[in-house]
Amino acid sequence: MNPVYRRRLLQHRIGMLFSFLAMAAGLIVLAWILLTLVIKGFSAINIGMLTQNTPSPGGDGGGLLNPIIGSLMMVGLGTLISTPIGILAGIYLAEYGEESKLAQTTRFVTDIMLSAPSIVIGLFVYAIYVANVGHFSGWAGTFAISLIAIPVVVRTTDNMLKLVPSSLREAAFSLGAPRWKVAMMIRLRAVKAGVVTGVLLAVARISGETAPLLFTALNNQFFSTNMNQPIANLPVVINQFAMSPYDNWVALAWGGALLITFSVLALNILSRTMFSQRVPG
């Protein structure tokens, strides 16, 4: 065998071995985390957890009904705010921002927001909203998580629209279609599954955010749907209950963590399934 070929083959095998070991180490740690979460959280999953409010300090029983409802309200409203803004901004970047300095600046700011710590966004909303109105509220939490979701939707929409072949645009232009109609009805429709994937990934991202909600929505021990007041939410309740000395609170924290994990996992599986079904077509 050629010595050069033999050396390259040895280097290839060593590289593949280290890659496999790194992948195995990551999977082992991930499996360990998930297994621990399932073992400690599954015992807390019951009807009472989904139908009862959070218990008082030292009280028996209780559930997570009020933080579940609060999280659903804030995540749902945050998604309604961030989705149209993110999609329209992504369309502008892909369709009109090829040579625009504003588009380049927008992409730069979007990349910064994608990598910025969520606690910074929480402090920003606290400074401009909570400090001025004088109280925490569900609306402040909604604004904070929508600011986290917007850049995810923008970048996903921008990247997906760039995958549309230029020949499809040229065919639409040759038929006399205006540019806005080509962007909205031709390009966006061609990649709608990818855009929906970006929205679902943004929802998965904001579902477990704790830091921004500590400075905005805070928490509420009682059931409340008033978005103008502090409102209970799963991430903050999990953080509070996990550090408490009460066994039932700790058990509820594990159950809430398992609930969020399975919800995010389901959203990721759904988004990837939709995207994979779209690619062959």
Protein backbone atom coordinates (compact mmCIF):
# COMPACT_ATOMS: atom_id res chain seq x y z
CA MET A 1 0.00 0.00 0.00
CA ASN A 2 1.21 3.50 -0.81
CA PRO A 3 2.73 5.10 2.34
CA VAL A 4 1.00 8.42 1.64
CA TYR A 5 -2.36 6.70 1.24
CA ARG A 6 -1.74 4.66 4.39
CA ARG A 7 -0.96 7.81 6.41
CA ARG A 8 -4.04 9.59 5.12
CA LEU A 9 -6.20 6.57 5.88
CA LEU A 10 -4.82 6.46 9.44
CA GLN A 11 -5.50 10.19 9.91
CA HIS A 12 -9.03 9.72 8.57
CA ARG A 13 -9.73 6.86 10.97
CA ILE A 14 -8.32 8.78 13.95
CA GLY A 15 -10.44 11.81 13.05
CA MET A 16 -13.56 9.66 12.70
CA LEU A 17 -12.81 7.99 16.04
CA PHE A 18 -12.56 11.33 17.87
CA SER A 19 -15.71 12.58 16.14
CA PHE A 20 -17.60 9.45 17.19
CA LEU A 21 -16.34 9.75 20.79
CA ALA A 22 -17.41 13.42 20.93
CA MET A 23 -20.85 12.53 19.58
CA ALA A 24 -21.19 9.65 22.02
CA ALA A 25 -20.19 11.89 24.96
CA GLY A 26 -22.79 14.47 23.97
CA LEU A 27 -25.51 11.85 23.57
CA ILE A 28 -24.64 10.24 26.91
CA VAL A 29 -24.92 13.56 28.75
CA LEU A 30 -28.18 14.39 26.95
CA ALA A 31 -29.63 10.96 27.73
CA TRP A 32 -28.55 11.33 31.38
CA ILE A 33 -30.32 14.68 31.66
CA LEU A 34 -33.49 13.42 29.99
CA LEU A 35 -33.53 10.22 32.04
CA THR A 36 -33.16 12.15 35.29
CA LEU A 37 -35.90 14.54 34.22
CA VAL A 38 -38.26 11.70 33.31
CA ILE A 39 -37.60 9.73 36.51
CA LYS A 40 -38.10 12.69 38.84
CA GLY A 41 -40.76 14.51 36.82
CA PHE A 42 -43.01 11.69 35.70
CA SER A 43 -44.15 10.94 39.25
CA ALA A 44 -45.49 14.50 39.55
CA ILE A 45 -47.56 14.29 36.35
CA ASN A 46 -51.19 13.73 37.32
CA ILE A 47 -54.62 15.25 36.94
CA GLY A 48 -54.14 17.41 40.02
CA MET A 49 -51.07 19.06 38.56
CA LEU A 50 -53.11 20.18 35.56
CA THR A 51 -56.28 21.19 37.42
CA GLN A 52 -55.10 22.79 40.68
CA ASN A 53 -53.36 26.07 41.41
CA THR A 54 -49.92 26.31 42.99
CA PRO A 55 -49.96 25.41 46.69
CA SER A 56 -49.19 27.79 49.51
CA PRO A 57 -45.87 27.45 51.40
CA GLY A 58 -46.01 24.28 53.46
CA GLY A 59 -49.36 23.27 52.00
CA ASP A 60 -50.07 19.79 50.67
CA GLY A 61 -51.01 18.89 47.11
CA GLY A 62 -51.47 21.63 44.58
CA GLY A 63 -50.74 21.85 40.89
CA LEU A 64 -49.55 24.09 38.10
CA LEU A 65 -52.79 25.23 36.51
CA ASN A 66 -52.22 28.98 36.92
CA PRO A 67 -48.61 29.01 35.61
CA ILE A 68 -49.61 26.78 32.68
CA ILE A 69 -52.43 29.16 31.71
CA GLY A 70 -50.16 32.18 32.21
CA SER A 71 -47.40 30.69 30.05
CA LEU A 72 -49.87 29.77 27.31
CA MET A 73 -51.26 33.30 27.29
CA MET A 74 -47.88 35.03 27.15
CA VAL A 75 -46.34 32.63 24.63
CA GLY A 76 -49.45 32.79 22.46
CA LEU A 77 -49.61 36.58 22.48
CA GLY A 78 -45.84 36.82 22.01
CA THR A 79 -46.12 34.57 18.96
CA LEU A 80 -48.96 36.69 17.54
CA ILE A 81 -46.79 39.80 17.92
CA SER A 82 -43.51 38.36 16.65
CA THR A 83 -44.78 36.28 13.71
CA PRO A 84 -46.09 39.04 11.39
CA ILE A 85 -43.22 41.39 12.29
CA GLY A 86 -40.61 38.69 11.72
CA ILE A 87 -42.10 37.42 8.45
CA LEU A 88 -42.52 40.90 6.97
CA ALA A 89 -39.00 41.87 8.01
CA GLY A 90 -37.64 38.65 6.50
CA ILE A 91 -39.48 39.35 3.23
CA TYR A 92 -38.00 42.84 3.10
CA LEU A 93 -34.49 41.54 3.69
CA ALA A 94 -34.79 38.84 1.02
CA GLU A 95 -36.70 40.83 -1.61
CA TYR A 96 -35.60 44.44 -1.22
CA GLY A 97 -32.47 44.29 0.90
CA GLU A 98 -29.86 42.98 -1.53
CA GLU A 99 -28.04 46.30 -1.80
CA SER A 100 -29.67 48.30 0.98
CA LYS A 101 -27.62 49.60 3.89
CA LEU A 102 -30.75 49.48 6.04
CA ALA A 103 -31.08 45.76 5.30
CA GLN A 104 -27.44 45.14 6.15
CA THR A 105 -27.88 46.98 9.43
CA THR A 106 -31.06 45.00 10.13
CA ARG A 107 -29.26 41.71 9.54
CA PHE A 108 -26.45 42.80 11.84
CA VAL A 109 -28.85 43.82 14.62
CA THR A 110 -30.82 40.59 14.15
CA ASP A 111 -27.67 38.51 14.55
CA ILE A 112 -26.80 40.43 17.72
CA MET A 113 -30.28 39.84 19.16
CA LEU A 114 -30.04 36.13 18.34
CA SER A 115 -26.89 35.80 20.42
CA ALA A 116 -27.76 38.30 23.14
CA PRO A 117 -28.49 36.88 26.63
CA SER A 118 -32.21 36.84 27.31
CA ILE A 119 -31.68 38.56 30.65
CA VAL A 120 -30.48 41.65 28.77
CA ILE A 121 -33.79 41.79 26.90
CA GLY A 122 -35.63 41.38 30.19
CA LEU A 123 -33.72 44.30 31.70
CA PHE A 124 -34.43 46.38 28.61
CA VAL A 125 -38.19 45.82 28.88
CA TYR A 126 -38.00 46.47 32.63
CA ALA A 127 -36.26 49.81 32.04
CA ILE A 128 -38.56 51.09 29.31
CA TYR A 129 -41.89 49.61 30.46
CA VAL A 130 -42.04 48.14 33.98
CA ALA A 131 -40.13 51.00 35.61
CA ASN A 132 -42.40 53.56 33.94
CA VAL A 133 -45.76 51.95 34.72
CA GLY A 134 -44.63 51.04 38.22
CA HIS A 135 -45.60 47.35 38.33
CA PHE A 136 -44.87 43.98 36.77
CA SER A 137 -47.38 42.63 34.26
CA GLY A 138 -48.11 39.90 31.77
CA TRP A 139 -47.86 42.42 28.95
CA ALA A 140 -44.28 43.21 29.91
CA GLY A 141 -43.45 39.50 29.82
CA THR A 142 -45.17 39.18 26.45
CA PHE A 143 -43.14 42.05 24.99
CA ALA A 144 -39.91 40.55 26.34
CA ILE A 145 -40.41 37.09 24.85
CA SER A 146 -41.67 38.56 21.57
CA LEU A 147 -38.38 40.46 21.27
CA ILE A 148 -36.60 37.12 21.67
CA ALA A 149 -38.78 35.42 19.03
CA ILE A 150 -38.65 38.14 16.36
CA PRO A 151 -35.00 37.64 15.27
CA VAL A 152 -35.53 33.87 15.01
CA VAL A 153 -38.47 34.36 12.63
CA VAL A 154 -36.63 37.07 10.67
CA ARG A 155 -33.53 34.99 9.99
CA THR A 156 -35.50 31.85 9.18
CA THR A 157 -37.78 33.69 6.74
CA ASP A 158 -34.84 35.48 5.11
CA ASN A 159 -32.85 32.27 4.67
CA MET A 160 -35.81 30.28 3.37
CA LEU A 161 -36.76 32.92 0.79
CA LYS A 162 -33.21 32.89 -0.54
CA LEU A 163 -33.68 29.21 -1.42
CA VAL A 164 -36.37 30.03 -3.99
CA PRO A 165 -34.86 29.71 -7.51
CA SER A 166 -34.39 32.99 -9.33
CA SER A 167 -36.06 31.45 -12.39
CA LEU A 168 -39.34 31.31 -10.47
CA ARG A 169 -39.16 35.04 -9.76
CA GLU A 170 -38.23 35.83 -13.34
CA ALA A 171 -41.17 33.79 -14.62
CA ALA A 172 -43.54 35.72 -12.37
CA PHE A 173 -42.05 39.07 -13.44
CA SER A 174 -42.37 38.09 -17.10
CA LEU A 175 -46.11 37.62 -16.58
CA GLY A 176 -46.39 41.19 -15.30
CA ALA A 177 -46.73 40.43 -11.58
CA PRO A 178 -45.69 43.32 -9.31
CA ARG A 179 -42.79 42.80 -6.96
CA TRP A 180 -44.87 42.75 -3.79
CA LYS A 181 -47.14 40.07 -5.22
CA VAL A 182 -44.14 37.97 -6.28
CA ALA A 183 -42.77 38.22 -2.75
CA MET A 184 -46.02 37.47 -0.93
CA MET A 185 -47.78 35.03 -3.25
CA ILE A 186 -44.95 33.29 -5.10
CA ARG A 187 -41.79 33.18 -2.99
CA LEU A 188 -43.45 33.06 0.43
CA ARG A 189 -45.92 30.41 -0.67
CA ALA A 190 -43.07 28.28 -2.06
CA VAL A 191 -41.32 28.19 1.33
CA LYS A 192 -44.31 28.38 3.67
CA ALA A 193 -43.35 25.11 5.39
CA GLY A 194 -39.90 26.48 6.20
CA VAL A 195 -41.37 29.73 7.51
CA VAL A 196 -43.78 27.81 9.73
CA THR A 197 -40.78 25.82 10.94
CA GLY A 198 -39.07 29.06 11.96
CA VAL A 199 -42.17 30.18 13.87
CA LEU A 200 -42.38 26.87 15.72
CA LEU A 201 -38.68 27.05 16.59
CA ALA A 202 -39.22 30.57 17.93
CA VAL A 203 -42.10 29.29 20.08
CA ALA A 204 -39.87 26.51 21.38
CA ARG A 205 -37.18 29.09 22.17
CA ILE A 206 -39.41 31.38 24.23
CA SER A 207 -41.37 28.65 26.02
CA GLY A 208 -38.66 28.00 28.59
CA GLU A 209 -37.20 31.49 29.04
CA THR A 210 -36.94 32.40 32.71
CA ALA A 211 -34.60 35.39 33.01
CA PRO A 212 -36.67 37.96 31.07
CA LEU A 213 -39.85 36.98 32.92
CA LEU A 214 -38.22 37.58 36.30
CA PHE A 215 -37.93 41.27 35.39
CA THR A 216 -41.27 41.63 33.60
CA ALA A 217 -44.13 39.26 34.48
CA LEU A 218 -42.61 38.09 37.78
CA ASN A 219 -45.12 35.62 39.30
CA ASN A 220 -48.54 35.27 40.90
CA GLN A 221 -49.45 32.55 43.36
CA PHE A 222 -53.14 32.86 42.52
CA PHE A 223 -55.02 32.18 39.30
CA SER A 224 -55.23 35.33 37.19
CA THR A 225 -55.77 36.15 33.54
CA ASN A 226 -55.29 39.89 33.98
CA MET A 227 -52.37 40.70 31.68
CA ASN A 228 -51.95 44.11 33.30
CA GLN A 229 -50.88 42.52 36.59
CA PRO A 230 -48.15 40.04 37.59
CA ILE A 231 -49.07 36.66 36.18
CA ALA A 232 -47.89 33.14 36.96
CA ASN A 233 -45.73 31.34 34.40
CA LEU A 234 -44.02 27.97 34.31
CA PRO A 235 -40.35 29.01 33.99
CA VAL A 236 -40.44 31.32 37.02
CA VAL A 237 -42.50 28.86 39.09
CA ILE A 238 -40.03 26.07 38.29
CA ASN A 239 -37.15 28.32 39.34
CA GLN A 240 -38.90 29.26 42.58
CA PHE A 241 -40.14 25.78 43.49
CA ALA A 242 -36.86 24.02 42.67
CA MET A 243 -35.03 26.09 45.31
CA SER A 244 -37.71 25.72 47.98
CA PRO A 245 -37.43 23.47 51.08
CA TYR A 246 -40.86 21.87 50.47
CA ASP A 247 -40.92 18.40 48.90
CA ASN A 248 -44.19 18.92 47.02
CA TRP A 249 -42.89 22.17 45.53
CA VAL A 250 -39.72 20.43 44.34
CA ALA A 251 -41.81 17.62 42.84
CA LEU A 252 -43.99 20.15 41.01
CA ALA A 253 -40.85 21.85 39.71
CA TRP A 254 -39.66 18.57 38.19
CA GLY A 255 -43.13 17.97 36.72
CA GLY A 256 -43.23 21.45 35.19
CA ALA A 257 -39.73 21.02 33.74
CA LEU A 258 -40.77 17.72 32.18
CA LEU A 259 -43.92 19.35 30.77
CA ILE A 260 -41.93 22.16 29.12
CA THR A 261 -39.32 19.72 27.81
CA PHE A 262 -41.91 17.46 26.18
CA SER A 263 -43.73 20.48 24.74
CA VAL A 264 -40.52 21.87 23.20
CA LEU A 265 -39.57 18.40 21.96
CA ALA A 266 -42.97 18.00 20.31
CA LEU A 267 -42.66 21.41 18.61
CA ASN A 268 -39.18 20.57 17.30
CA ILE A 269 -40.32 17.18 15.98
CA LEU A 270 -43.35 18.82 14.35
CA SER A 271 -41.25 21.53 12.70
CA ARG A 272 -38.65 19.11 11.38
CA THR A 273 -41.34 16.74 10.13
CA MET A 274 -43.07 19.53 8.23
CA PHE A 275 -39.77 20.71 6.72
CA SER A 276 -38.63 17.20 5.73
CA GLN A 277 -41.95 16.54 4.02
CA ARG A 278 -41.59 19.75 2.04
CA VAL A 279 -38.08 19.11 0.71
CA PRO A 280 -38.81 16.16 -1.65
CA GLY A 281 -41.65 18.10 -3.31
